[in-house]
Amino acid sequence: MSDKNPTEADLNALDITDAEAGIINSIAQPLVPGAAPDADDDLVQIDGTTDGVVFITINRPAKKNAFDAAVIAALHEAFETLHGADNVRLVFLRGAGGTFCAGADISWMRDAVEWSESDNRDDAMGLAKMLKALHDIPALTVALVEGAAMGGGAGIVAACDMAVAVEGARFAFSEVKLGLIPATIAPYVIDAIGSRRARQLFLTANIFDADYAAHAGLIDMVLPEGSIDEFISMLTDSLTMNAPGAMGDAKRLVNDIAGKRIDHGLMEDTARRIARARVSSEGQEGVRAFLEKRSPNWAE
């Protein structure tokens, strides 16, 4: 791990006006049916394919995709939209312009210094709700990290089901260097890397590289430079045989039973879940397709 302190240039880019941002940012209309009307297409782009893959891009490259209240709201709306997207299997989350997310926007942080504790609590709840909406997407969520994922950006990585990073990517939980704590992201980071590792990274606030992120469990794989598209194709192809509804149910299963004591009540719950799956339309189709040596209808 590097012990280099992050500079302001590391964490953010120079401030730009809203007018300049409007010129820089391209607008992409969401391809997911029923996209939330309040989502800001300037800040977050949503693109979908016919085979159930969605790409969500934080589109603020001039600010190294640092987030403020508007970006958080746009992400929240995008994630909420995907809660009802029944045929989506896979959601990729990335940042535009070669940086995943530099964390909190400096101008936003400057404003927050003048807010009351109550105002700051309300503001922090926006971030907490966005992370929970990401965590609760039924599909497999995958963070594609390029450049850097700092502070809350690394928290977004932790809230995904899976994460990969390109060689050279950097990470940090640097909040204590500002006299702050990584509070809203903590549940997801601790779930991803464990409490002991979280204490080390939160308290040292050191910058660490992709190899260490993989060692710690924050990401699952380090990719060679230029191989993200190949990884996307590989993972997309590997999921074509998976039933979208069953994937969502399997994810809820993990979320619901993780950490619970194995007792009669838990056994009853899991038995009910598999019984329900067996008589569901997907369960019936999947088993019949297997017995008949054909592809299930969702893979056609």
C-alpha atoms as a PDB file:
ATOM      1  CA  MET A   1       0.000   0.000   0.000  1.00  0.00           C
ATOM      2  CA  SER A   2       1.113   3.535  -0.701  1.00  0.00           C
ATOM      3  CA  ASP A   3       1.101   6.027   2.183  1.00  0.00           C
ATOM      4  CA  LYS A   4       0.914   9.012  -0.141  1.00  0.00           C
ATOM      5  CA  ASN A   5      -1.716  11.487   0.957  1.00  0.00           C
ATOM      6  CA  PRO A   6      -4.373  12.226  -1.688  1.00  0.00           C
ATOM      7  CA  THR A   7      -4.154  15.760  -3.023  1.00  0.00           C
ATOM      8  CA  GLU A   8      -7.121  17.853  -4.094  1.00  0.00           C
ATOM      9  CA  ALA A   9      -6.172  17.028  -7.680  1.00  0.00           C
ATOM     10  CA  ASP A  10      -6.368  13.328  -6.810  1.00  0.00           C
ATOM     11  CA  LEU A  11      -9.826  13.670  -5.355  1.00  0.00           C
ATOM     12  CA  ASN A  12     -11.425  16.106  -7.735  1.00  0.00           C
ATOM     13  CA  ALA A  13     -10.921  18.236 -10.826  1.00  0.00           C
ATOM     14  CA  LEU A  14     -11.129  21.988 -11.185  1.00  0.00           C
ATOM     15  CA  ASP A  15     -14.539  23.520 -10.615  1.00  0.00           C
ATOM     16  CA  ILE A  16     -16.575  24.256 -13.716  1.00  0.00           C
ATOM     17  CA  THR A  17     -19.790  26.134 -14.203  1.00  0.00           C
ATOM     18  CA  ASP A  18     -23.138  24.447 -14.828  1.00  0.00           C
ATOM     19  CA  ALA A  19     -23.075  25.824 -18.368  1.00  0.00           C
ATOM     20  CA  GLU A  20     -19.658  24.292 -19.024  1.00  0.00           C
ATOM     21  CA  ALA A  21     -20.792  21.013 -17.542  1.00  0.00           C
ATOM     22  CA  GLY A  22     -23.781  21.034 -19.850  1.00  0.00           C
ATOM     23  CA  ILE A  23     -21.469  21.306 -22.853  1.00  0.00           C
ATOM     24  CA  ILE A  24     -19.096  18.624 -21.614  1.00  0.00           C
ATOM     25  CA  ASN A  25     -21.710  16.067 -20.606  1.00  0.00           C
ATOM     26  CA  SER A  26     -23.508  14.138 -23.313  1.00  0.00           C
ATOM     27  CA  ILE A  27     -27.124  13.141 -22.844  1.00  0.00           C
ATOM     28  CA  ALA A  28     -28.122   9.531 -23.371  1.00  0.00           C
ATOM     29  CA  GLN A  29     -31.780   8.587 -23.082  1.00  0.00           C
ATOM     30  CA  PRO A  30     -32.286   5.572 -20.784  1.00  0.00           C
ATOM     31  CA  LEU A  31     -33.062   2.361 -22.614  1.00  0.00           C
ATOM     32  CA  VAL A  32     -34.618   0.716 -19.561  1.00  0.00           C
ATOM     33  CA  PRO A  33     -38.433   0.798 -19.795  1.00  0.00           C
ATOM     34  CA  GLY A  34     -40.059   3.104 -17.271  1.00  0.00           C
ATOM     35  CA  ALA A  35     -36.941   5.093 -16.419  1.00  0.00           C
ATOM     36  CA  ALA A  36     -37.479   7.373 -13.457  1.00  0.00           C
ATOM     37  CA  PRO A  37     -38.517  10.845 -14.676  1.00  0.00           C
ATOM     38  CA  ASP A  38     -36.394  12.682 -12.099  1.00  0.00           C
ATOM     39  CA  ALA A  39     -33.116  11.017 -13.102  1.00  0.00           C
ATOM     40  CA  ASP A  40     -30.711  13.577 -14.603  1.00  0.00           C
ATOM     41  CA  ASP A  41     -29.380  12.159 -17.870  1.00  0.00           C
ATOM     42  CA  ASP A  42     -26.586  14.763 -17.835  1.00  0.00           C
ATOM     43  CA  LEU A  43     -25.158  13.253 -14.656  1.00  0.00           C
ATOM     44  CA  VAL A  44     -26.049   9.573 -15.017  1.00  0.00           C
ATOM     45  CA  GLN A  45     -26.458   7.636 -18.249  1.00  0.00           C
ATOM     46  CA  ILE A  46     -28.455   4.411 -18.496  1.00  0.00           C
ATOM     47  CA  ASP A  47     -28.047   2.133 -21.492  1.00  0.00           C
ATOM     48  CA  GLY A  48     -29.594  -1.301 -21.908  1.00  0.00           C
ATOM     49  CA  THR A  49     -29.394  -4.251 -24.279  1.00  0.00           C
ATOM     50  CA  THR A  50     -32.047  -6.694 -25.417  1.00  0.00           C
ATOM     51  CA  ASP A  51     -30.403  -9.569 -23.542  1.00  0.00           C
ATOM     52  CA  GLY A  52     -30.928  -8.071 -20.086  1.00  0.00           C
ATOM     53  CA  VAL A  53     -27.715  -6.101 -19.537  1.00  0.00           C
ATOM     54  CA  VAL A  54     -27.761  -2.508 -18.259  1.00  0.00           C
ATOM     55  CA  PHE A  55     -24.878  -0.034 -18.098  1.00  0.00           C
ATOM     56  CA  ILE A  56     -25.057   2.837 -15.602  1.00  0.00           C
ATOM     57  CA  THR A  57     -22.397   5.507 -16.097  1.00  0.00           C
ATOM     58  CA  ILE A  58     -21.611   8.352 -13.722  1.00  0.00           C
ATOM     59  CA  ASN A  59     -21.183  11.042 -16.341  1.00  0.00           C
ATOM     60  CA  ARG A  60     -19.230  13.868 -14.760  1.00  0.00           C
ATOM     61  CA  PRO A  61     -15.766  13.379 -16.231  1.00  0.00           C
ATOM     62  CA  ALA A  62     -14.641  16.994 -15.779  1.00  0.00           C
ATOM     63  CA  LYS A  63     -15.088  16.469 -12.024  1.00  0.00           C
ATOM     64  CA  LYS A  64     -13.586  12.962 -12.091  1.00  0.00           C
ATOM     65  CA  ASN A  65     -17.152  11.747 -11.452  1.00  0.00           C
ATOM     66  CA  ALA A  66     -17.164  13.188  -7.936  1.00  0.00           C
ATOM     67  CA  PHE A  67     -20.656  13.134  -6.502  1.00  0.00           C
ATOM     68  CA  ASP A  68     -22.816  15.820  -4.964  1.00  0.00           C
ATOM     69  CA  ALA A  69     -26.494  15.846  -4.006  1.00  0.00           C
ATOM     70  CA  ALA A  70     -27.601  15.989  -7.660  1.00  0.00           C
ATOM     71  CA  VAL A  71     -25.450  13.014  -8.704  1.00  0.00           C
ATOM     72  CA  ILE A  72     -26.613  11.031  -5.682  1.00  0.00           C
ATOM     73  CA  ALA A  73     -30.261  11.766  -6.540  1.00  0.00           C
ATOM     74  CA  ALA A  74     -29.730  10.760 -10.181  1.00  0.00           C
ATOM     75  CA  LEU A  75     -28.056   7.498  -9.165  1.00  0.00           C
ATOM     76  CA  HIS A  76     -30.820   6.788  -6.660  1.00  0.00           C
ATOM     77  CA  GLU A  77     -33.472   7.225  -9.345  1.00  0.00           C
ATOM     78  CA  ALA A  78     -31.558   4.986 -11.759  1.00  0.00           C
ATOM     79  CA  PHE A  79     -31.134   2.232  -9.172  1.00  0.00           C
ATOM     80  CA  GLU A  80     -34.786   2.419  -8.103  1.00  0.00           C
ATOM     81  CA  THR A  81     -35.834   2.043 -11.746  1.00  0.00           C
ATOM     82  CA  LEU A  82     -33.988  -1.268 -11.936  1.00  0.00           C
ATOM     83  CA  HIS A  83     -35.855  -2.722  -8.960  1.00  0.00           C
ATOM     84  CA  GLY A  84     -38.785  -3.350 -11.281  1.00  0.00           C
ATOM     85  CA  ALA A  85     -36.852  -4.402 -14.388  1.00  0.00           C
ATOM     86  CA  ASP A  86     -37.837  -8.077 -14.416  1.00  0.00           C
ATOM     87  CA  ASN A  87     -35.730  -9.211 -17.362  1.00  0.00           C
ATOM     88  CA  VAL A  88     -32.462  -7.578 -16.300  1.00  0.00           C
ATOM     89  CA  ARG A  89     -29.765 -10.042 -15.250  1.00  0.00           C
ATOM     90  CA  LEU A  90     -26.688  -7.855 -15.097  1.00  0.00           C
ATOM     91  CA  VAL A  91     -25.945  -4.216 -14.215  1.00  0.00           C
ATOM     92  CA  PHE A  92     -22.531  -2.686 -14.857  1.00  0.00           C
ATOM     93  CA  LEU A  93     -21.632   0.528 -13.023  1.00  0.00           C
ATOM     94  CA  ARG A  94     -18.742   2.674 -14.222  1.00  0.00           C
ATOM     95  CA  GLY A  95     -17.477   6.238 -14.472  1.00  0.00           C
ATOM     96  CA  ALA A  96     -17.033   8.233 -17.673  1.00  0.00           C
ATOM     97  CA  GLY A  97     -13.640   9.456 -18.813  1.00  0.00           C
ATOM     98  CA  GLY A  98     -11.407   6.841 -17.202  1.00  0.00           C
ATOM     99  CA  THR A  99     -12.125   7.507 -13.515  1.00  0.00           C
ATOM    100  CA  PHE A 100     -14.710   5.546 -11.532  1.00  0.00           C
ATOM    101  CA  CYS A 101     -15.493   8.126  -8.826  1.00  0.00           C
ATOM    102  CA  ALA A 102     -13.302  10.604  -6.935  1.00  0.00           C
ATOM    103  CA  GLY A 103     -15.654  10.617  -3.937  1.00  0.00           C
ATOM    104  CA  ALA A 104     -17.387  13.714  -2.637  1.00  0.00           C
ATOM    105  CA  ASP A 105     -17.314  16.891  -4.730  1.00  0.00           C
ATOM    106  CA  ILE A 106     -15.186  19.593  -3.113  1.00  0.00           C
ATOM    107  CA  SER A 107     -17.762  22.341  -3.699  1.00  0.00           C
ATOM    108  CA  TRP A 108     -20.424  20.176  -2.055  1.00  0.00           C
ATOM    109  CA  MET A 109     -18.120  19.559   0.902  1.00  0.00           C
ATOM    110  CA  ARG A 110     -17.442  23.285   1.152  1.00  0.00           C
ATOM    111  CA  ASP A 111     -21.167  24.013   1.350  1.00  0.00           C
ATOM    112  CA  ALA A 112     -21.713  21.317   3.980  1.00  0.00           C
ATOM    113  CA  VAL A 113     -19.283  23.036   6.365  1.00  0.00           C
ATOM    114  CA  GLU A 114     -21.885  25.761   6.863  1.00  0.00           C
ATOM    115  CA  TRP A 115     -24.857  23.424   7.387  1.00  0.00           C
ATOM    116  CA  SER A 116     -26.390  22.493  10.717  1.00  0.00           C
ATOM    117  CA  GLU A 117     -26.151  18.975  12.117  1.00  0.00           C
ATOM    118  CA  SER A 118     -29.764  18.407  11.101  1.00  0.00           C
ATOM    119  CA  ASP A 119     -29.073  19.576   7.540  1.00  0.00           C
ATOM    120  CA  ASN A 120     -26.037  17.301   7.327  1.00  0.00           C
ATOM    121  CA  ARG A 121     -28.054  14.347   8.615  1.00  0.00           C
ATOM    122  CA  ASP A 122     -30.706  14.882   5.941  1.00  0.00           C
ATOM    123  CA  ASP A 123     -28.020  15.192   3.281  1.00  0.00           C
ATOM    124  CA  ALA A 124     -26.230  12.033   4.445  1.00  0.00           C
ATOM    125  CA  MET A 125     -29.503  10.113   4.304  1.00  0.00           C
ATOM    126  CA  GLY A 126     -29.584  10.832   0.573  1.00  0.00           C
ATOM    127  CA  LEU A 127     -26.311   8.966   0.150  1.00  0.00           C
ATOM    128  CA  ALA A 128     -27.442   6.182   2.477  1.00  0.00           C
ATOM    129  CA  LYS A 129     -30.657   5.685   0.497  1.00  0.00           C
ATOM    130  CA  MET A 130     -28.769   5.659  -2.813  1.00  0.00           C
ATOM    131  CA  LEU A 131     -26.395   2.959  -1.573  1.00  0.00           C
ATOM    132  CA  LYS A 132     -29.295   0.875  -0.271  1.00  0.00           C
ATOM    133  CA  ALA A 133     -31.081   1.205  -3.625  1.00  0.00           C
ATOM    134  CA  LEU A 134     -27.929  -0.062  -5.357  1.00  0.00           C
ATOM    135  CA  HIS A 135     -27.565  -2.912  -2.876  1.00  0.00           C
ATOM    136  CA  ASP A 136     -31.202  -3.977  -3.409  1.00  0.00           C
ATOM    137  CA  ILE A 137     -31.161  -4.190  -7.228  1.00  0.00           C
ATOM    138  CA  PRO A 138     -32.283  -7.784  -7.957  1.00  0.00           C
ATOM    139  CA  ALA A 139     -29.786  -8.269 -10.793  1.00  0.00           C
ATOM    140  CA  LEU A 140     -26.070  -8.933 -10.379  1.00  0.00           C
ATOM    141  CA  THR A 141     -24.360  -5.544  -9.960  1.00  0.00           C
ATOM    142  CA  VAL A 142     -20.754  -5.159 -11.081  1.00  0.00           C
ATOM    143  CA  ALA A 143     -18.477  -2.157 -10.534  1.00  0.00           C
ATOM    144  CA  LEU A 144     -15.965  -1.535 -13.334  1.00  0.00           C
ATOM    145  CA  VAL A 145     -13.221   0.523 -11.700  1.00  0.00           C
ATOM    146  CA  GLU A 146     -10.797   2.567 -13.767  1.00  0.00           C
ATOM    147  CA  GLY A 147      -8.526   5.297 -12.483  1.00  0.00           C
ATOM    148  CA  ALA A 148      -9.646   5.804  -8.907  1.00  0.00           C
ATOM    149  CA  ALA A 149     -12.436   5.044  -6.455  1.00  0.00           C
ATOM    150  CA  MET A 150     -11.966   7.319  -3.460  1.00  0.00           C
ATOM    151  CA  GLY A 151     -14.012   7.641  -0.269  1.00  0.00           C
ATOM    152  CA  GLY A 152     -17.674   7.313  -1.137  1.00  0.00           C
ATOM    153  CA  GLY A 153     -16.648   6.084  -4.593  1.00  0.00           C
ATOM    154  CA  ALA A 154     -15.006   3.073  -2.959  1.00  0.00           C
ATOM    155  CA  GLY A 155     -18.185   2.701  -0.914  1.00  0.00           C
ATOM    156  CA  ILE A 156     -20.202   2.401  -4.128  1.00  0.00           C
ATOM    157  CA  VAL A 157     -17.792  -0.350  -5.209  1.00  0.00           C
ATOM    158  CA  ALA A 158     -18.422  -2.181  -1.929  1.00  0.00           C
ATOM    159  CA  ALA A 159     -22.203  -1.915  -2.335  1.00  0.00           C
ATOM    160  CA  CYS A 160     -22.053  -3.815  -5.645  1.00  0.00           C
ATOM    161  CA  ASP A 161     -22.253  -7.616  -5.735  1.00  0.00           C
ATOM    162  CA  MET A 162     -19.018  -7.869  -7.674  1.00  0.00           C
ATOM    163  CA  ALA A 163     -16.201  -5.521  -8.640  1.00  0.00           C
ATOM    164  CA  VAL A 164     -13.226  -5.553 -10.966  1.00  0.00           C
ATOM    165  CA  ALA A 165     -10.498  -2.957 -11.404  1.00  0.00           C
ATOM    166  CA  VAL A 166      -8.018  -2.189 -14.132  1.00  0.00           C
ATOM    167  CA  GLU A 167      -4.336  -2.340 -13.271  1.00  0.00           C
ATOM    168  CA  GLY A 168      -3.231   0.987 -11.878  1.00  0.00           C
ATOM    169  CA  ALA A 169      -6.566   1.819 -10.233  1.00  0.00           C
ATOM    170  CA  ARG A 170      -6.320   3.397  -6.777  1.00  0.00           C
ATOM    171  CA  PHE A 171      -8.609   3.317  -3.768  1.00  0.00           C
ATOM    172  CA  ALA A 172      -8.805   5.087  -0.420  1.00  0.00           C
ATOM    173  CA  PHE A 173     -11.089   5.658   2.543  1.00  0.00           C
ATOM    174  CA  SER A 174      -9.596   9.041   3.360  1.00  0.00           C
ATOM    175  CA  GLU A 175     -12.371  10.562   5.490  1.00  0.00           C
ATOM    176  CA  VAL A 176     -10.407  10.705   8.757  1.00  0.00           C
ATOM    177  CA  LYS A 177      -7.838  12.999   7.108  1.00  0.00           C
ATOM    178  CA  LEU A 178     -10.677  15.522   6.880  1.00  0.00           C
ATOM    179  CA  GLY A 179     -11.822  14.936  10.448  1.00  0.00           C
ATOM    180  CA  LEU A 180     -14.759  12.867   9.174  1.00  0.00           C
ATOM    181  CA  ILE A 181     -15.762   9.188   9.200  1.00  0.00           C
ATOM    182  CA  PRO A 182     -16.927   6.862   6.376  1.00  0.00           C
ATOM    183  CA  ALA A 183     -20.257   6.339   8.091  1.00  0.00           C
ATOM    184  CA  THR A 184     -22.875   5.759   5.366  1.00  0.00           C
ATOM    185  CA  ILE A 185     -20.618   3.477   3.326  1.00  0.00           C
ATOM    186  CA  ALA A 186     -19.415   1.499   6.357  1.00  0.00           C
ATOM    187  CA  PRO A 187     -22.083  -1.279   6.306  1.00  0.00           C
ATOM    188  CA  TYR A 188     -21.185  -2.205   2.732  1.00  0.00           C
ATOM    189  CA  VAL A 189     -17.423  -1.928   3.173  1.00  0.00           C
ATOM    190  CA  ILE A 190     -17.477  -4.028   6.351  1.00  0.00           C
ATOM    191  CA  ASP A 191     -19.670  -6.607   4.612  1.00  0.00           C
ATOM    192  CA  ALA A 192     -17.180  -6.759   1.733  1.00  0.00           C
ATOM    193  CA  ILE A 193     -13.838  -6.806   3.560  1.00  0.00           C
ATOM    194  CA  GLY A 194     -14.604  -7.606   7.210  1.00  0.00           C
ATOM    195  CA  SER A 195     -14.375  -5.490  10.330  1.00  0.00           C
ATOM    196  CA  ARG A 196     -10.645  -5.930  11.013  1.00  0.00           C
ATOM    197  CA  ARG A 197      -9.612  -4.872   7.504  1.00  0.00           C
ATOM    198  CA  ALA A 198     -12.112  -2.019   7.604  1.00  0.00           C
ATOM    199  CA  ARG A 199     -10.571  -0.711  10.829  1.00  0.00           C
ATOM    200  CA  GLN A 200      -7.142  -0.760   9.214  1.00  0.00           C
ATOM    201  CA  LEU A 201      -8.196   1.029   6.016  1.00  0.00           C
ATOM    202  CA  PHE A 202     -10.528   3.510   7.722  1.00  0.00           C
ATOM    203  CA  LEU A 203      -7.986   4.516  10.377  1.00  0.00           C
ATOM    204  CA  THR A 204      -4.871   4.668   8.194  1.00  0.00           C
ATOM    205  CA  ALA A 205      -6.696   6.363   5.292  1.00  0.00           C
ATOM    206  CA  ASN A 206      -3.901   5.114   3.030  1.00  0.00           C
ATOM    207  CA  ILE A 207      -4.197   4.949  -0.737  1.00  0.00           C
ATOM    208  CA  PHE A 208      -3.994   1.347  -1.968  1.00  0.00           C
ATOM    209  CA  ASP A 209      -3.771  -0.216  -5.389  1.00  0.00           C
ATOM    210  CA  ALA A 210      -5.939  -2.736  -7.247  1.00  0.00           C
ATOM    211  CA  ASP A 211      -3.850  -5.716  -6.142  1.00  0.00           C
ATOM    212  CA  TYR A 212      -4.327  -4.808  -2.492  1.00  0.00           C
ATOM    213  CA  ALA A 213      -8.052  -4.150  -3.105  1.00  0.00           C
ATOM    214  CA  ALA A 214      -8.337  -7.703  -4.439  1.00  0.00           C
ATOM    215  CA  HIS A 215      -6.361  -9.054  -1.482  1.00  0.00           C
ATOM    216  CA  ALA A 216      -8.660  -7.200   0.914  1.00  0.00           C
ATOM    217  CA  GLY A 217     -11.831  -8.411  -0.821  1.00  0.00           C
ATOM    218  CA  LEU A 218     -13.028  -5.016  -2.030  1.00  0.00           C
ATOM    219  CA  ILE A 219     -12.739  -6.180  -5.650  1.00  0.00           C
ATOM    220  CA  ASP A 220     -12.821  -9.666  -7.160  1.00  0.00           C
ATOM    221  CA  MET A 221     -10.376  -9.376 -10.026  1.00  0.00           C
ATOM    222  CA  VAL A 222      -7.628  -7.155 -11.442  1.00  0.00           C
ATOM    223  CA  LEU A 223      -7.901  -6.717 -15.205  1.00  0.00           C
ATOM    224  CA  PRO A 224      -5.088  -5.895 -17.622  1.00  0.00           C
ATOM    225  CA  GLU A 225      -5.291  -2.477 -19.229  1.00  0.00           C
ATOM    226  CA  GLY A 226      -7.695  -2.480 -22.166  1.00  0.00           C
ATOM    227  CA  SER A 227      -9.522  -5.689 -21.217  1.00  0.00           C
ATOM    228  CA  ILE A 228     -12.757  -4.318 -19.737  1.00  0.00           C
ATOM    229  CA  ASP A 229     -14.787  -4.950 -22.903  1.00  0.00           C
ATOM    230  CA  GLU A 230     -13.557  -8.538 -23.007  1.00  0.00           C
ATOM    231  CA  PHE A 231     -14.559  -9.006 -19.368  1.00  0.00           C
ATOM    232  CA  ILE A 232     -18.007  -7.537 -20.020  1.00  0.00           C
ATOM    233  CA  SER A 233     -18.566  -9.936 -22.934  1.00  0.00           C
ATOM    234  CA  MET A 234     -17.334 -12.916 -20.926  1.00  0.00           C
ATOM    235  CA  LEU A 235     -19.555 -12.235 -17.935  1.00  0.00           C
ATOM    236  CA  THR A 236     -22.583 -11.381 -20.093  1.00  0.00           C
ATOM    237  CA  ASP A 237     -22.247 -14.628 -22.058  1.00  0.00           C
ATOM    238  CA  SER A 238     -21.848 -16.667 -18.885  1.00  0.00           C
ATOM    239  CA  LEU A 239     -25.210 -15.498 -17.520  1.00  0.00           C
ATOM    240  CA  THR A 240     -27.403 -16.152 -20.572  1.00  0.00           C
ATOM    241  CA  MET A 241     -28.567 -19.519 -19.201  1.00  0.00           C
ATOM    242  CA  ASN A 242     -29.523 -18.051 -15.810  1.00  0.00           C
ATOM    243  CA  ALA A 243     -33.181 -17.292 -15.101  1.00  0.00           C
ATOM    244  CA  PRO A 244     -33.547 -13.573 -14.247  1.00  0.00           C
ATOM    245  CA  GLY A 245     -36.198 -14.148 -11.586  1.00  0.00           C
ATOM    246  CA  ALA A 246     -34.216 -16.914  -9.925  1.00  0.00           C
ATOM    247  CA  MET A 247     -31.153 -14.662  -9.844  1.00  0.00           C
ATOM    248  CA  GLY A 248     -33.125 -12.016  -7.973  1.00  0.00           C
ATOM    249  CA  ASP A 249     -34.533 -14.598  -5.565  1.00  0.00           C
ATOM    250  CA  ALA A 250     -31.053 -16.021  -4.953  1.00  0.00           C
ATOM    251  CA  LYS A 251     -29.732 -12.550  -4.157  1.00  0.00           C
ATOM    252  CA  ARG A 252     -32.603 -11.905  -1.726  1.00  0.00           C
ATOM    253  CA  LEU A 253     -31.885 -15.302  -0.148  1.00  0.00           C
ATOM    254  CA  VAL A 254     -28.319 -14.270   0.670  1.00  0.00           C
ATOM    255  CA  ASN A 255     -29.390 -10.853   1.960  1.00  0.00           C
ATOM    256  CA  ASP A 256     -32.154 -12.309   4.124  1.00  0.00           C
ATOM    257  CA  ILE A 257     -30.299 -15.189   5.778  1.00  0.00           C
ATOM    258  CA  ALA A 258     -26.725 -13.873   6.087  1.00  0.00           C
ATOM    259  CA  GLY A 259     -25.691 -13.894   9.741  1.00  0.00           C
ATOM    260  CA  LYS A 260     -28.852 -15.625  10.970  1.00  0.00           C
ATOM    261  CA  ARG A 261     -28.705 -18.528  13.390  1.00  0.00           C
ATOM    262  CA  ILE A 262     -29.491 -21.874  11.799  1.00  0.00           C
ATOM    263  CA  ASP A 263     -32.609 -22.907  13.702  1.00  0.00           C
ATOM    264  CA  HIS A 264     -35.991 -24.416  12.901  1.00  0.00           C
ATOM    265  CA  GLY A 265     -37.392 -21.096  11.758  1.00  0.00           C
ATOM    266  CA  LEU A 266     -34.574 -20.617   9.251  1.00  0.00           C
ATOM    267  CA  MET A 267     -34.981 -24.178   7.982  1.00  0.00           C
ATOM    268  CA  GLU A 268     -38.705 -23.561   7.481  1.00  0.00           C
ATOM    269  CA  ASP A 269     -37.972 -20.337   5.627  1.00  0.00           C
ATOM    270  CA  THR A 270     -35.474 -21.925   3.237  1.00  0.00           C
ATOM    271  CA  ALA A 271     -37.770 -24.911   2.628  1.00  0.00           C
ATOM    272  CA  ARG A 272     -40.607 -22.545   1.696  1.00  0.00           C
ATOM    273  CA  ARG A 273     -38.346 -20.665  -0.685  1.00  0.00           C
ATOM    274  CA  ILE A 274     -37.198 -23.732  -2.642  1.00  0.00           C
ATOM    275  CA  ALA A 275     -40.743 -25.129  -2.722  1.00  0.00           C
ATOM    276  CA  ARG A 276     -41.984 -21.841  -4.172  1.00  0.00           C
ATOM    277  CA  ALA A 277     -39.162 -21.867  -6.731  1.00  0.00           C
ATOM    278  CA  ARG A 278     -39.960 -25.419  -7.819  1.00  0.00           C
ATOM    279  CA  VAL A 279     -43.555 -24.588  -8.702  1.00  0.00           C
ATOM    280  CA  SER A 280     -42.787 -21.178 -10.219  1.00  0.00           C
ATOM    281  CA  SER A 281     -42.954 -20.672 -13.988  1.00  0.00           C
ATOM    282  CA  GLU A 282     -39.176 -20.352 -14.168  1.00  0.00           C
ATOM    283  CA  GLY A 283     -38.618 -23.414 -12.011  1.00  0.00           C
ATOM    284  CA  GLN A 284     -40.991 -25.506 -14.093  1.00  0.00           C
ATOM    285  CA  GLU A 285     -39.509 -24.312 -17.377  1.00  0.00           C
ATOM    286  CA  GLY A 286     -35.910 -24.721 -16.222  1.00  0.00           C
ATOM    287  CA  VAL A 287     -36.278 -28.274 -14.946  1.00  0.00           C
ATOM    288  CA  ARG A 288     -38.349 -29.369 -17.955  1.00  0.00           C
ATOM    289  CA  ALA A 289     -35.765 -27.860 -20.331  1.00  0.00           C
ATOM    290  CA  PHE A 290     -32.989 -29.718 -18.538  1.00  0.00           C
ATOM    291  CA  LEU A 291     -34.847 -33.046 -18.706  1.00  0.00           C
ATOM    292  CA  GLU A 292     -35.724 -32.485 -22.357  1.00  0.00           C
ATOM    293  CA  LYS A 293     -32.137 -31.481 -23.207  1.00  0.00           C
ATOM    294  CA  ARG A 294     -33.066 -28.078 -24.594  1.00  0.00           C
ATOM    295  CA  SER A 295     -32.439 -24.463 -23.689  1.00  0.00           C
ATOM    296  CA  PRO A 296     -34.947 -22.761 -21.360  1.00  0.00           C
ATOM    297  CA  ASN A 297     -37.086 -20.024 -22.910  1.00  0.00           C
ATOM    298  CA  TRP A 298     -35.144 -17.205 -21.226  1.00  0.00           C
ATOM    299  CA  ALA A 299     -31.946 -18.320 -23.003  1.00  0.00           C
ATOM    300  CA  GLU A 300     -33.430 -18.319 -26.498  1.00  0.00           C
END
